[in-house]
Amino acid sequence: MAHADNLSIGVFIDGGYFAKINEGLQKKNLATGVNVKALLNYIPEFISTTQGVDKKLLYITESHYYRGRYRVKEAASKNLLKSEREFEDMLIENDVIFHYKHLREAPGGGVIEKGIDTWFALDTYELTLYRDFDYVVLISGDADHEMLARKLKALKTHTILLTWDPAHTGSTSRFLSEEVCTHADMDKLIAQNASLLKRLTYTTN
């Protein structure tokens, strides 16, 4: 890791996992969703506190979001267009680059979300290699990203996993959390500091 005056942070968001966070918050009537701007502002603070680095030296230089998405006709039939556009507006306002692949209806019902995890991992590794991030934050819980975390560490990049499971669904892989350098478990952090929940979400109250 190259220690310059300023230290760069790359943030990579697994959109499917992020949706589960929002669903969990709503299910438990804790909030209507995550405030993306507040979460991105919190990440340098967390790194500063846990790594003993001056917060003034920490900058998120890139943020990326990966998700499957319905085609227009299907989204319209499911009344999803407005909520999707509002969420995209929030990503744009916070300089988060979004990457989508089309979802496909499965023959037996449900949807097929193919290739997104691989795309997420390849992009994260490639961008870390070329941008030389000092810290990479993965917002995910997928066991498939265990090898990604290992490869990022091989680049001598401090890899942080940020997880949040407000509904306690067990959506975070233990193998992934054990592979990273630092685990930001938001459930534990909020249990220690209840004000974090209000700060990082759009609360129902």
Protein backbone atom coordinates (compact mmCIF):
# COMPACT_ATOMS: atom_id res chain seq x y z
CA MET A 1 0.00 0.00 0.00
CA ALA A 2 1.45 3.35 -1.01
CA HIS A 3 1.11 5.85 1.80
CA ALA A 4 0.80 9.24 0.16
CA ASP A 5 -0.46 12.38 1.85
CA ASN A 6 -4.00 11.43 0.90
CA LEU A 7 -5.40 7.91 1.07
CA SER A 8 -7.95 6.67 -1.43
CA ILE A 9 -11.00 4.52 -0.75
CA GLY A 10 -12.88 2.49 -3.35
CA VAL A 11 -16.43 1.46 -2.43
CA PHE A 12 -18.15 -1.43 -4.18
CA ILE A 13 -21.81 -2.15 -3.47
CA ASP A 14 -23.55 -5.46 -4.16
CA GLY A 15 -27.01 -4.15 -5.12
CA GLY A 16 -28.82 -7.36 -4.24
CA TYR A 17 -27.31 -7.31 -0.76
CA PHE A 18 -28.05 -3.61 -0.40
CA ALA A 19 -31.71 -4.29 -1.24
CA LYS A 20 -31.80 -6.89 1.54
CA ILE A 21 -30.57 -4.26 4.01
CA ASN A 22 -33.43 -1.96 3.03
CA GLU A 23 -35.94 -4.81 3.18
CA GLY A 24 -34.68 -5.74 6.65
CA LEU A 25 -34.97 -2.17 7.91
CA GLN A 26 -38.53 -1.95 6.59
CA LYS A 27 -39.50 -5.38 7.92
CA LYS A 28 -38.39 -4.43 11.43
CA ASN A 29 -39.98 -0.96 11.10
CA LEU A 30 -36.59 0.59 11.82
CA ALA A 31 -36.40 2.82 8.75
CA THR A 32 -37.60 3.21 5.18
CA GLY A 33 -34.10 2.70 3.80
CA VAL A 34 -30.39 3.47 3.91
CA ASN A 35 -29.28 7.06 3.37
CA VAL A 36 -26.53 6.53 0.78
CA LYS A 37 -24.92 9.92 1.35
CA ALA A 38 -24.76 9.39 5.10
CA LEU A 39 -23.30 5.90 4.67
CA LEU A 40 -20.60 7.15 2.31
CA ASN A 41 -19.76 9.94 4.76
CA TYR A 42 -19.53 7.39 7.57
CA ILE A 43 -17.07 5.08 5.82
CA PRO A 44 -14.01 7.41 6.11
CA GLU A 45 -14.93 8.01 9.77
CA PHE A 46 -14.98 4.26 10.43
CA ILE A 47 -11.60 3.81 8.74
CA SER A 48 -10.16 6.77 10.64
CA THR A 49 -11.32 5.37 13.98
CA THR A 50 -10.34 1.74 13.42
CA GLN A 51 -7.06 2.32 11.57
CA GLY A 52 -5.80 5.37 13.44
CA VAL A 53 -5.67 7.50 10.28
CA ASP A 54 -6.45 11.21 10.17
CA LYS A 55 -9.91 11.53 8.60
CA LYS A 56 -8.74 14.57 6.64
CA LEU A 57 -6.43 12.27 4.64
CA LEU A 58 -9.19 9.82 3.63
CA TYR A 59 -11.16 10.26 0.42
CA ILE A 60 -13.64 8.04 -1.36
CA THR A 61 -12.35 8.38 -4.90
CA GLU A 62 -14.76 5.91 -6.55
CA SER A 63 -18.04 4.23 -5.66
CA HIS A 64 -19.71 1.52 -7.75
CA TYR A 65 -23.10 -0.22 -7.51
CA TYR A 66 -24.01 -3.50 -9.27
CA ARG A 67 -27.52 -4.87 -9.67
CA GLY A 68 -29.87 -6.83 -11.90
CA ARG A 69 -32.77 -4.82 -13.32
CA TYR A 70 -36.01 -5.56 -15.13
CA ARG A 71 -36.56 -4.33 -18.67
CA VAL A 72 -38.85 -1.29 -18.97
CA LYS A 73 -42.01 -3.23 -19.82
CA GLU A 74 -41.59 -5.65 -16.92
CA ALA A 75 -40.65 -2.88 -14.47
CA ALA A 76 -43.71 -0.88 -15.51
CA SER A 77 -46.01 -3.88 -15.01
CA LYS A 78 -44.59 -4.29 -11.50
CA ASN A 79 -44.87 -0.53 -10.74
CA LEU A 80 -41.14 -0.30 -10.17
CA LEU A 81 -40.15 2.49 -12.56
CA LYS A 82 -40.65 5.40 -10.16
CA SER A 83 -38.84 3.79 -7.21
CA GLU A 84 -35.97 2.66 -9.47
CA ARG A 85 -35.57 6.16 -10.90
CA GLU A 86 -35.63 7.74 -7.43
CA PHE A 87 -32.94 5.35 -6.25
CA GLU A 88 -30.82 6.06 -9.34
CA ASP A 89 -31.21 9.80 -8.67
CA MET A 90 -29.79 9.20 -5.19
CA LEU A 91 -26.83 7.27 -6.63
CA ILE A 92 -26.14 10.01 -9.19
CA GLU A 93 -26.33 12.75 -6.55
CA ASN A 94 -23.66 10.91 -4.57
CA ASP A 95 -21.36 10.15 -7.53
CA VAL A 96 -22.01 6.41 -7.33
CA ILE A 97 -21.52 4.75 -10.71
CA PHE A 98 -24.21 2.15 -11.34
CA HIS A 99 -23.84 -1.01 -13.42
CA TYR A 100 -26.87 -3.04 -14.48
CA LYS A 101 -27.58 -6.33 -16.23
CA HIS A 102 -31.07 -7.34 -17.28
CA LEU A 103 -32.94 -9.81 -15.12
CA ARG A 104 -34.61 -12.75 -16.82
CA GLU A 105 -37.81 -14.47 -15.75
CA ALA A 106 -37.13 -18.06 -14.67
CA PRO A 107 -39.35 -20.73 -16.29
CA GLY A 108 -40.51 -21.98 -12.89
CA GLY A 109 -41.15 -18.50 -11.50
CA GLY A 110 -38.87 -15.92 -9.96
CA VAL A 111 -35.97 -14.24 -11.74
CA ILE A 112 -32.50 -15.17 -12.95
CA GLU A 113 -29.72 -12.73 -12.01
CA LYS A 114 -26.80 -14.10 -13.98
CA GLY A 115 -23.23 -12.88 -14.10
CA ILE A 116 -23.54 -9.91 -11.76
CA ASP A 117 -21.43 -11.38 -8.94
CA THR A 118 -18.68 -12.20 -11.43
CA TRP A 119 -18.87 -8.71 -12.95
CA PHE A 120 -18.70 -7.18 -9.44
CA ALA A 121 -15.60 -9.23 -8.57
CA LEU A 122 -13.77 -8.65 -11.85
CA ASP A 123 -14.40 -4.89 -11.80
CA THR A 124 -13.42 -4.57 -8.16
CA TYR A 125 -10.15 -6.42 -8.70
CA GLU A 126 -9.30 -4.62 -11.95
CA LEU A 127 -10.08 -1.15 -10.61
CA THR A 128 -8.11 -1.83 -7.43
CA LEU A 129 -5.16 -3.00 -9.52
CA TYR A 130 -5.14 0.12 -11.72
CA ARG A 131 -6.34 2.77 -9.25
CA ASP A 132 -4.13 1.51 -6.41
CA PHE A 133 -6.75 2.14 -3.71
CA ASP A 134 -5.41 2.22 -0.17
CA TYR A 135 -8.70 0.82 1.14
CA VAL A 136 -11.43 -1.13 -0.59
CA VAL A 137 -14.84 -1.37 1.06
CA LEU A 138 -17.09 -4.23 -0.03
CA ILE A 139 -20.77 -3.85 0.86
CA SER A 140 -21.79 -7.45 0.42
CA GLY A 141 -22.36 -10.69 2.25
CA ASP A 142 -21.93 -13.15 -0.59
CA ALA A 143 -19.66 -16.15 0.00
CA ASP A 144 -18.72 -15.98 -3.70
CA HIS A 145 -16.67 -12.88 -2.91
CA GLU A 146 -14.37 -14.72 -0.50
CA MET A 147 -11.75 -15.23 -3.22
CA LEU A 148 -12.09 -11.59 -4.28
CA ALA A 149 -11.17 -10.51 -0.76
CA ARG A 150 -8.18 -12.83 -0.81
CA LYS A 151 -7.00 -11.46 -4.17
CA LEU A 152 -7.39 -7.86 -2.98
CA LYS A 153 -5.21 -8.62 0.03
CA ALA A 154 -2.61 -10.08 -2.36
CA LEU A 155 -2.47 -6.62 -3.91
CA LYS A 156 -1.62 -5.32 -0.41
CA THR A 157 -4.92 -3.45 -0.29
CA HIS A 158 -6.63 -3.15 3.08
CA THR A 159 -9.99 -4.78 2.44
CA ILE A 160 -13.00 -3.84 4.58
CA LEU A 161 -16.29 -5.71 4.56
CA LEU A 162 -19.32 -3.63 5.54
CA THR A 163 -22.32 -5.78 6.43
CA TRP A 164 -25.75 -4.99 7.81
CA ASP A 165 -28.46 -7.54 8.56
CA PRO A 166 -31.18 -5.71 10.51
CA ALA A 167 -33.70 -8.55 10.08
CA HIS A 168 -31.10 -11.16 11.21
CA THR A 169 -31.56 -13.29 8.10
CA GLY A 170 -28.02 -14.66 8.19
CA SER A 171 -27.28 -13.11 4.79
CA THR A 172 -23.59 -12.55 5.56
CA SER A 173 -21.11 -15.31 4.77
CA ARG A 174 -18.86 -16.20 7.69
CA PHE A 175 -16.14 -17.24 5.23
CA LEU A 176 -16.18 -13.81 3.59
CA SER A 177 -16.10 -11.95 6.92
CA GLU A 178 -13.11 -14.04 8.05
CA GLU A 179 -11.19 -13.38 4.83
CA VAL A 180 -11.18 -9.56 4.92
CA CYS A 181 -8.78 -7.36 6.89
CA THR A 182 -11.52 -5.49 8.78
CA HIS A 183 -15.21 -6.23 9.27
CA ALA A 184 -17.58 -3.30 9.80
CA ASP A 185 -20.59 -5.12 11.28
CA MET A 186 -23.23 -2.39 11.32
CA ASP A 187 -25.56 -4.40 13.56
CA LYS A 188 -22.90 -4.50 16.29
CA LEU A 189 -21.87 -0.88 15.73
CA ILE A 190 -25.48 0.32 16.01
CA ALA A 191 -25.98 -1.80 19.14
CA GLN A 192 -23.03 0.11 20.65
CA ASN A 193 -24.21 3.50 19.36
CA ALA A 194 -27.97 3.70 18.72
CA SER A 195 -27.70 7.17 17.17
CA LEU A 196 -26.00 5.59 14.14
CA LEU A 197 -29.30 4.08 12.99
CA LYS A 198 -30.98 7.46 12.74
CA ARG A 199 -27.92 9.02 11.14
CA LEU A 200 -27.52 6.37 8.41
CA THR A 201 -31.15 5.80 7.45
CA TYR A 202 -34.37 7.50 6.48
CA THR A 203 -36.19 6.72 9.70
CA THR A 204 -39.87 5.99 10.02
CA ASN A 205 -40.22 8.33 13.00
